[in-house]
N, C-alpha and C. Protein backbone atom coordinates (compact mmCIF):
# COMPACT_ATOMS: atom_id res chain seq x y z
N MET A 1 168.86 110.24 93.71
CA MET A 1 167.55 109.71 93.59
C MET A 1 167.07 109.09 94.90
N SER A 2 165.99 109.47 95.53
CA SER A 2 165.31 108.95 96.56
C SER A 2 164.55 107.78 96.44
N ASN A 3 164.46 106.85 96.98
CA ASN A 3 163.50 105.87 97.15
C ASN A 3 162.20 105.98 97.85
N ASP A 4 162.08 107.26 98.60
CA ASP A 4 160.92 107.50 99.26
C ASP A 4 159.71 107.70 98.47
N TRP A 5 158.41 107.19 98.92
CA TRP A 5 157.29 107.72 98.22
C TRP A 5 156.13 108.16 99.14
N LYS A 6 155.41 108.96 98.66
CA LYS A 6 154.40 109.52 99.48
C LYS A 6 153.22 109.28 99.06
N LEU A 7 152.16 108.78 99.90
CA LEU A 7 150.82 108.36 99.53
C LEU A 7 149.93 109.47 100.38
N THR A 8 148.90 109.96 99.64
CA THR A 8 148.21 110.81 100.18
C THR A 8 146.88 110.08 100.07
N TRP A 9 146.12 109.79 101.22
CA TRP A 9 144.79 109.21 101.33
C TRP A 9 143.63 110.27 101.18
N ASN A 10 143.01 110.15 100.38
CA ASN A 10 141.51 111.29 100.34
C ASN A 10 140.43 110.49 100.73
N GLY A 11 140.30 109.95 101.97
CA GLY A 11 139.32 109.34 102.02
C GLY A 11 137.81 110.09 102.23
N LYS A 12 137.89 111.17 102.50
CA LYS A 12 136.67 111.97 102.54
C LYS A 12 136.08 112.03 101.05
N GLU A 13 136.81 112.34 99.94
CA GLU A 13 136.59 112.48 98.57
C GLU A 13 136.12 111.14 98.08
N ILE A 14 136.74 109.97 98.49
CA ILE A 14 136.46 108.68 98.04
C ILE A 14 135.09 108.29 98.70
N GLY A 15 135.09 108.88 99.97
CA GLY A 15 133.54 108.46 100.56
C GLY A 15 132.62 109.03 100.01
N GLU A 16 132.66 110.32 99.69
CA GLU A 16 131.61 111.25 98.79
C GLU A 16 131.36 110.46 97.55
N MET A 17 132.21 110.39 96.82
CA MET A 17 132.04 109.90 95.43
C MET A 17 131.53 108.40 95.40
N ALA A 18 131.64 107.41 96.54
CA ALA A 18 131.01 106.17 96.84
C ALA A 18 129.61 106.43 97.09
N ALA A 19 129.39 107.47 97.96
CA ALA A 19 127.87 107.54 98.36
C ALA A 19 127.13 108.13 97.24
N LYS A 20 127.72 108.88 96.34
CA LYS A 20 127.08 109.30 95.36
C LYS A 20 126.67 108.31 94.41
N ARG A 21 127.61 107.29 94.13
CA ARG A 21 127.43 106.00 93.18
C ARG A 21 126.61 105.06 93.85
N LEU A 22 126.55 105.05 95.13
CA LEU A 22 125.49 104.18 95.84
C LEU A 22 124.19 104.74 95.47
N LYS A 23 123.86 105.83 95.56
CA LYS A 23 122.42 106.47 95.08
C LYS A 23 122.08 106.21 93.84
N VAL A 24 123.34 106.35 92.84
CA VAL A 24 122.64 105.97 91.53
C VAL A 24 122.33 104.71 91.29
N ASN A 25 123.26 103.72 92.01
CA ASN A 25 122.93 102.39 91.97
C ASN A 25 121.71 101.87 92.57
N ALA A 26 121.51 102.60 93.60
CA ALA A 26 120.16 102.27 94.36
C ALA A 26 119.07 102.81 93.34
N GLU A 27 119.06 103.71 92.82
CA GLU A 27 117.98 104.07 91.73
C GLU A 27 117.73 103.04 90.62
N LYS A 28 118.73 102.57 90.16
CA LYS A 28 118.97 101.56 89.17
C LYS A 28 118.21 100.23 89.71
N ALA A 29 118.68 99.60 90.83
CA ALA A 29 118.08 98.36 91.56
C ALA A 29 116.61 98.74 91.77
N ALA A 30 115.94 99.96 92.39
CA ALA A 30 114.61 100.09 92.43
C ALA A 30 114.11 100.10 91.04
N ARG A 31 114.65 100.50 90.06
CA ARG A 31 113.82 100.72 88.68
C ARG A 31 113.70 99.09 88.31
N MET A 32 114.65 98.44 88.57
CA MET A 32 114.82 97.14 88.13
C MET A 32 113.71 96.20 88.90
N ILE A 33 113.44 96.37 89.96
CA ILE A 33 112.54 95.67 90.74
C ILE A 33 111.17 96.15 90.47
N GLU A 34 111.02 97.49 90.37
CA GLU A 34 109.56 97.95 89.77
C GLU A 34 109.32 97.59 88.66
N ALA A 35 110.26 97.51 87.73
CA ALA A 35 109.87 97.04 86.27
C ALA A 35 109.31 95.55 86.26
N ASP A 36 110.02 94.82 87.05
CA ASP A 36 109.62 93.36 87.39
C ASP A 36 108.20 93.22 87.81
N ILE A 37 107.76 93.95 88.69
CA ILE A 37 106.48 93.96 89.22
C ILE A 37 105.62 94.39 88.32
N VAL A 38 105.91 95.45 87.33
CA VAL A 38 104.99 95.87 86.37
C VAL A 38 104.64 94.94 85.50
N ARG A 39 105.86 94.14 85.14
CA ARG A 39 105.65 92.85 84.09
C ARG A 39 104.78 91.92 84.76
N SER A 40 105.07 91.43 86.00
CA SER A 40 104.15 90.55 86.46
C SER A 40 102.68 90.76 86.43
N LEU A 41 102.38 92.11 86.49
CA LEU A 41 100.86 92.47 86.55
C LEU A 41 100.28 92.94 85.13
N SER A 42 101.04 92.38 84.17
CA SER A 42 100.68 92.86 82.92
C SER A 42 99.96 91.71 82.08
N VAL A 43 99.53 90.63 82.66
CA VAL A 43 98.67 89.48 82.34
C VAL A 43 97.42 89.96 82.13
N GLY A 44 96.76 90.11 81.01
CA GLY A 44 95.44 90.63 80.76
C GLY A 44 94.37 89.40 80.95
N GLN A 45 93.30 89.88 80.97
CA GLN A 45 92.08 89.08 81.09
C GLN A 45 90.82 89.52 80.12
N ASP A 46 89.91 88.86 79.67
CA ASP A 46 88.73 89.39 79.09
C ASP A 46 87.86 89.90 80.37
N ALA A 47 87.05 90.83 79.82
CA ALA A 47 86.13 91.41 80.91
C ALA A 47 84.67 91.81 80.41
N VAL A 48 83.80 91.96 81.47
CA VAL A 48 82.38 92.50 80.91
C VAL A 48 82.10 93.54 82.01
N ARG A 49 81.27 94.47 81.29
CA ARG A 49 80.74 95.65 81.92
C ARG A 49 79.64 95.17 82.68
N ARG A 50 79.56 95.28 83.94
CA ARG A 50 78.25 95.17 84.75
C ARG A 50 77.38 96.43 84.44
N GLY A 51 76.07 96.08 85.09
CA GLY A 51 75.06 97.09 85.11
C GLY A 51 75.52 98.31 85.51
N ASP A 52 76.08 98.41 86.60
CA ASP A 52 76.71 99.48 87.12
C ASP A 52 77.70 100.38 86.39
N GLY A 53 78.42 99.81 85.47
CA GLY A 53 79.31 100.36 84.83
C GLY A 53 80.58 99.75 85.13
N SER A 54 80.86 99.21 86.14
CA SER A 54 82.06 98.70 86.61
C SER A 54 82.39 97.29 85.77
N LEU A 55 83.92 96.96 86.02
CA LEU A 55 84.24 95.95 84.99
C LEU A 55 84.49 94.89 85.93
N MET A 56 84.04 93.49 85.46
CA MET A 56 84.39 92.26 86.12
C MET A 56 85.24 91.42 85.18
N GLY A 57 86.14 91.08 85.52
CA GLY A 57 87.28 90.16 85.14
C GLY A 57 86.60 88.65 84.89
N LEU A 58 86.99 87.85 83.81
CA LEU A 58 86.46 86.91 83.39
C LEU A 58 87.39 85.69 83.70
N ASP A 59 88.61 86.18 83.94
CA ASP A 59 89.78 85.08 83.89
C ASP A 59 90.73 85.64 85.17
N PRO A 60 90.32 85.66 86.37
CA PRO A 60 91.13 86.13 87.36
C PRO A 60 92.31 85.21 87.80
N SER A 61 93.30 85.89 88.33
CA SER A 61 94.55 84.97 88.66
C SER A 61 93.99 83.89 89.78
N LYS A 62 95.01 82.92 89.79
CA LYS A 62 94.68 81.72 90.93
C LYS A 62 95.58 82.34 92.04
N PRO A 63 95.05 82.01 93.10
CA PRO A 63 95.87 82.31 94.54
C PRO A 63 97.14 81.78 94.31
N GLY A 64 98.13 82.60 94.78
CA GLY A 64 99.69 82.58 94.55
C GLY A 64 100.07 83.15 93.36
N GLN A 65 99.36 83.34 92.44
CA GLN A 65 99.93 84.02 91.16
C GLN A 65 99.74 85.48 91.30
N PRO A 66 100.62 86.46 90.66
CA PRO A 66 100.20 87.78 90.60
C PRO A 66 98.77 88.06 89.93
N PRO A 67 98.36 89.22 90.53
CA PRO A 67 96.78 89.81 90.06
C PRO A 67 96.73 89.63 88.31
N HIS A 68 95.74 89.03 87.75
CA HIS A 68 95.69 89.67 86.47
C HIS A 68 95.14 90.98 86.09
N LEU A 69 95.78 91.54 85.07
CA LEU A 69 95.23 93.04 84.65
C LEU A 69 93.79 93.09 84.22
N LEU A 70 93.09 94.11 84.84
CA LEU A 70 91.79 94.45 84.52
C LEU A 70 91.71 95.81 84.18
N THR A 71 91.68 96.86 85.03
CA THR A 71 91.78 98.18 84.62
C THR A 71 93.23 98.79 84.32
N GLY A 72 94.26 98.36 85.01
CA GLY A 72 95.64 98.88 84.97
C GLY A 72 95.93 99.60 86.22
N HIS A 73 95.05 99.98 87.19
CA HIS A 73 95.13 100.78 88.10
C HIS A 73 96.22 100.26 89.16
N LEU A 74 96.17 99.25 89.52
CA LEU A 74 97.36 98.61 90.29
C LEU A 74 98.72 98.74 89.69
N ARG A 75 98.77 98.53 88.42
CA ARG A 75 100.03 98.40 87.54
C ARG A 75 100.39 99.89 87.71
N ARG A 76 99.66 100.85 87.43
CA ARG A 76 100.03 102.26 87.25
C ARG A 76 100.56 102.80 88.69
N SER A 77 100.23 102.16 89.64
CA SER A 77 100.51 102.61 90.87
C SER A 77 101.83 102.11 91.46
N ILE A 78 102.36 101.36 90.82
CA ILE A 78 103.73 100.87 91.28
C ILE A 78 104.82 102.15 91.13
N ASP A 79 105.59 102.21 91.97
CA ASP A 79 106.58 103.47 91.98
C ASP A 79 107.77 103.14 92.87
N HIS A 80 108.67 103.84 92.99
CA HIS A 80 109.79 103.86 93.86
C HIS A 80 110.26 104.98 94.33
N ARG A 81 111.13 105.00 95.48
CA ARG A 81 111.93 106.32 95.89
C ARG A 81 113.05 105.67 96.64
N VAL A 82 114.05 106.42 96.82
CA VAL A 82 115.34 106.16 97.27
C VAL A 82 115.62 107.53 98.13
N GLU A 83 115.85 106.97 99.51
CA GLU A 83 116.32 108.04 100.65
C GLU A 83 117.60 107.86 100.95
N LYS A 84 118.46 108.98 100.89
CA LYS A 84 119.94 108.69 101.21
C LYS A 84 119.79 109.52 102.58
N HIS A 85 120.58 108.75 103.50
CA HIS A 85 120.89 109.17 104.92
C HIS A 85 122.34 109.28 105.15
N PRO A 86 122.82 109.97 106.33
CA PRO A 86 124.08 110.06 106.63
C PRO A 86 124.88 108.79 106.50
N LYS A 87 124.36 107.65 107.14
CA LYS A 87 124.87 106.50 107.31
C LYS A 87 124.20 105.31 106.55
N HIS A 88 123.16 105.33 105.90
CA HIS A 88 122.49 104.22 105.09
C HIS A 88 121.71 104.93 103.83
N ILE A 89 121.12 104.15 103.19
CA ILE A 89 120.52 104.31 102.21
C ILE A 89 119.07 103.37 102.23
N ASP A 90 117.79 104.05 101.96
CA ASP A 90 116.62 103.44 101.92
C ASP A 90 116.09 103.22 100.67
N ILE A 91 115.53 102.13 100.22
CA ILE A 91 115.08 102.03 98.82
C ILE A 91 113.59 101.55 99.16
N PHE A 92 112.52 102.17 98.70
CA PHE A 92 111.21 101.67 98.74
C PHE A 92 110.66 101.54 97.26
N VAL A 93 109.98 100.33 97.19
CA VAL A 93 109.23 100.04 95.97
C VAL A 93 107.75 99.89 96.39
N ILE A 94 106.88 100.74 95.97
CA ILE A 94 105.42 100.78 96.54
C ILE A 94 104.55 100.41 95.39
N ALA A 95 103.44 99.92 96.17
CA ALA A 95 102.27 99.75 95.34
C ALA A 95 101.21 100.71 95.94
N GLY A 96 100.87 101.69 95.26
CA GLY A 96 99.94 102.93 95.74
C GLY A 96 98.44 102.58 95.69
N ALA A 97 98.04 101.64 95.07
CA ALA A 97 96.61 101.24 95.00
C ALA A 97 95.95 100.77 96.26
N SER A 98 94.94 101.24 96.73
CA SER A 98 94.26 101.08 97.99
C SER A 98 94.09 99.55 98.35
N TYR A 99 93.91 98.87 97.36
CA TYR A 99 93.57 97.25 97.49
C TYR A 99 94.97 96.56 97.24
N ALA A 100 96.12 97.23 97.17
CA ALA A 100 97.23 96.50 96.79
C ALA A 100 97.54 95.64 98.08
N ARG A 101 97.82 95.98 99.01
CA ARG A 101 97.97 95.25 100.49
C ARG A 101 97.05 93.89 100.44
N ASP A 102 95.74 94.17 100.29
CA ASP A 102 94.95 92.93 100.13
C ASP A 102 95.10 91.89 99.35
N LEU A 103 95.64 92.19 98.14
CA LEU A 103 96.10 91.18 97.05
C LEU A 103 97.30 90.64 97.35
N GLU A 104 98.21 91.35 98.02
CA GLU A 104 99.52 90.81 98.30
C GLU A 104 99.53 89.85 99.40
N TYR A 105 98.75 89.98 100.64
CA TYR A 105 98.88 89.31 101.60
C TYR A 105 97.26 88.65 101.81
N GLY A 106 96.38 88.83 101.09
CA GLY A 106 95.16 88.07 101.33
C GLY A 106 94.30 88.88 102.10
N LYS A 107 93.02 88.57 102.25
CA LYS A 107 92.05 89.59 103.46
C LYS A 107 91.07 88.58 103.67
N GLU A 108 90.68 88.54 105.15
CA GLU A 108 89.44 87.78 105.55
C GLU A 108 88.37 88.60 105.20
N SER A 109 87.09 88.00 105.35
CA SER A 109 85.91 88.92 104.84
C SER A 109 85.55 89.71 105.97
N ASP A 110 84.96 90.73 105.56
CA ASP A 110 84.80 91.97 106.43
C ASP A 110 83.35 92.55 106.21
N SER A 111 82.95 93.56 106.62
CA SER A 111 81.52 94.20 106.37
C SER A 111 81.65 94.76 105.04
N ASP A 112 82.72 95.14 104.55
CA ASP A 112 82.91 95.93 103.20
C ASP A 112 82.90 95.12 102.17
N PHE A 113 83.16 93.61 102.34
CA PHE A 113 83.57 92.77 101.29
C PHE A 113 83.02 91.40 101.56
N ARG A 114 82.15 90.82 100.81
CA ARG A 114 81.68 89.37 101.15
C ARG A 114 82.66 88.42 100.50
N GLY A 115 83.02 87.44 101.38
CA GLY A 115 84.09 86.33 100.91
C GLY A 115 85.44 86.72 101.37
N ARG A 116 86.26 86.17 100.74
CA ARG A 116 87.60 86.32 101.26
C ARG A 116 88.62 86.34 100.08
N ILE A 117 89.61 87.25 100.14
CA ILE A 117 90.76 87.45 98.96
C ILE A 117 91.80 86.54 99.40
N LEU A 118 92.02 85.50 98.67
CA LEU A 118 93.31 84.73 98.99
C LEU A 118 94.54 85.56 98.30
N PRO A 119 95.68 85.13 98.90
CA PRO A 119 96.92 85.95 98.39
C PRO A 119 97.24 85.93 96.88
N ARG A 120 97.61 87.10 96.39
CA ARG A 120 98.05 86.92 95.06
C ARG A 120 99.20 87.89 94.98
N PRO A 121 100.32 87.35 95.79
CA PRO A 121 101.38 88.24 95.85
C PRO A 121 102.21 88.51 94.69
N PHE A 122 102.57 89.95 94.40
CA PHE A 122 103.34 90.51 93.16
C PHE A 122 104.59 91.19 93.84
N MET A 123 104.78 91.67 94.98
CA MET A 123 105.81 92.62 95.28
C MET A 123 106.99 91.55 96.05
N ARG A 124 106.58 90.51 96.87
CA ARG A 124 107.71 89.78 97.46
C ARG A 124 108.07 88.89 96.55
N PRO A 125 107.64 88.44 95.58
CA PRO A 125 108.14 87.63 94.44
C PRO A 125 109.22 88.19 93.65
N ALA A 126 108.88 89.34 93.29
CA ALA A 126 109.67 90.19 92.48
C ALA A 126 111.07 90.57 93.23
N LEU A 127 110.90 90.83 94.67
CA LEU A 127 112.00 91.20 95.46
C LEU A 127 112.87 89.88 95.44
N ALA A 128 112.28 88.72 95.60
CA ALA A 128 112.86 87.46 95.94
C ALA A 128 113.68 87.21 94.61
N ARG A 129 113.09 87.22 93.54
CA ARG A 129 113.74 87.08 91.86
C ARG A 129 114.89 88.10 91.66
N ASN A 130 115.00 89.23 92.38
CA ASN A 130 115.90 90.05 91.92
C ASN A 130 116.84 90.78 93.05
N ARG A 131 116.65 89.79 94.33
CA ARG A 131 117.49 90.22 95.49
C ARG A 131 119.10 90.36 95.19
N ASP A 132 119.70 89.11 94.69
CA ASP A 132 121.05 89.06 94.47
C ASP A 132 121.45 90.09 93.40
N LYS A 133 120.70 90.17 92.39
CA LYS A 133 121.18 91.18 91.39
C LYS A 133 121.14 92.47 91.80
N ALA A 134 120.18 92.84 92.73
CA ALA A 134 119.90 94.38 93.28
C ALA A 134 121.06 94.53 94.22
N ILE A 135 121.59 93.48 94.90
CA ILE A 135 122.64 93.60 95.84
C ILE A 135 123.80 93.99 94.96
N SER A 136 123.94 93.17 94.07
CA SER A 136 125.25 93.28 93.12
C SER A 136 125.28 94.59 92.60
N MET A 137 123.96 95.13 92.11
CA MET A 137 123.98 96.49 91.51
C MET A 137 124.29 97.78 92.48
N LEU A 138 123.88 97.40 93.88
CA LEU A 138 124.23 98.21 94.80
C LEU A 138 125.67 98.78 94.92
N VAL A 139 126.33 97.56 94.84
CA VAL A 139 127.87 97.71 95.26
C VAL A 139 128.83 97.94 93.94
N LYS A 140 128.09 97.87 92.76
CA LYS A 140 128.83 97.97 91.64
C LYS A 140 129.79 99.31 91.45
N ASN A 141 131.04 99.17 91.33
CA ASN A 141 131.90 100.34 90.91
C ASN A 141 131.78 101.35 92.11
N LEU A 142 131.46 101.04 93.37
CA LEU A 142 131.68 102.18 94.50
C LEU A 142 133.24 102.50 94.63
N PHE A 143 133.81 101.73 94.50
CA PHE A 143 135.45 102.09 94.82
C PHE A 143 136.17 101.90 93.66
N SER A 144 135.69 101.94 92.43
CA SER A 144 136.60 102.00 91.32
C SER A 144 137.44 103.18 91.06
N ARG A 145 138.63 102.95 90.33
CA ARG A 145 139.66 104.22 90.22
C ARG A 145 138.99 105.35 89.32
N GLN A 146 137.95 105.00 88.85
CA GLN A 146 137.57 105.99 87.65
C GLN A 146 136.92 107.06 88.57
N GLY A 147 137.79 108.34 88.12
CA GLY A 147 137.54 109.53 88.70
C GLY A 147 138.52 109.75 89.98
N ILE A 148 139.33 108.99 90.43
CA ILE A 148 140.09 109.12 91.70
C ILE A 148 141.56 109.11 91.22
N SER A 149 142.14 110.18 91.22
CA SER A 149 143.47 110.33 90.69
C SER A 149 144.45 109.66 91.57
N ASP A 150 145.46 109.15 90.93
CA ASP A 150 146.61 108.57 91.61
C ASP A 150 147.44 109.69 92.01
N ARG A 151 147.63 110.10 93.34
CA ARG A 151 148.53 111.19 93.73
C ARG A 151 149.79 110.65 94.31
N ARG A 152 150.45 109.45 94.07
CA ARG A 152 151.73 109.18 94.61
C ARG A 152 152.49 109.95 93.79
N ARG A 153 153.71 110.15 94.47
CA ARG A 153 154.85 110.96 93.95
C ARG A 153 156.02 110.66 94.67
N ARG A 154 157.14 110.82 94.10
CA ARG A 154 158.38 110.49 94.68
C ARG A 154 158.87 111.70 95.41
N THR A 155 159.33 111.68 96.72
CA THR A 155 159.62 112.82 97.48
C THR A 155 161.28 113.05 97.15
């Protein structure tokens, strides 16, 4: 009986499996951050309808707090996408409402709007709250033995 062992490394298969898991994990992380943003935009407020039919909130958020819910348009515009590239993966969490950026960062007055909008960040705080957990989610089980067969054998 020989004491020789043969070990076959299937790096390409393991790399492909890890890439697939990374994409799945990235989707989970993106959905987690997206859900946190949506939750932060779910504080309602009383409103009145103006003469032109538009709504006016009676309890807007304070600067530095996430915007309070009025019509739900901003909250419904939150989405995500994951793009897998050969050497990296991109995760985008998006607020598609046209005024989302103005709320996130604030806006100085201009010809279209009288007054100034002070920042009411909702995207950056959600990312900060979830950063460590998202990173942990991304790397979870990338190289676990599940699905990788042990092909050691005696020669």
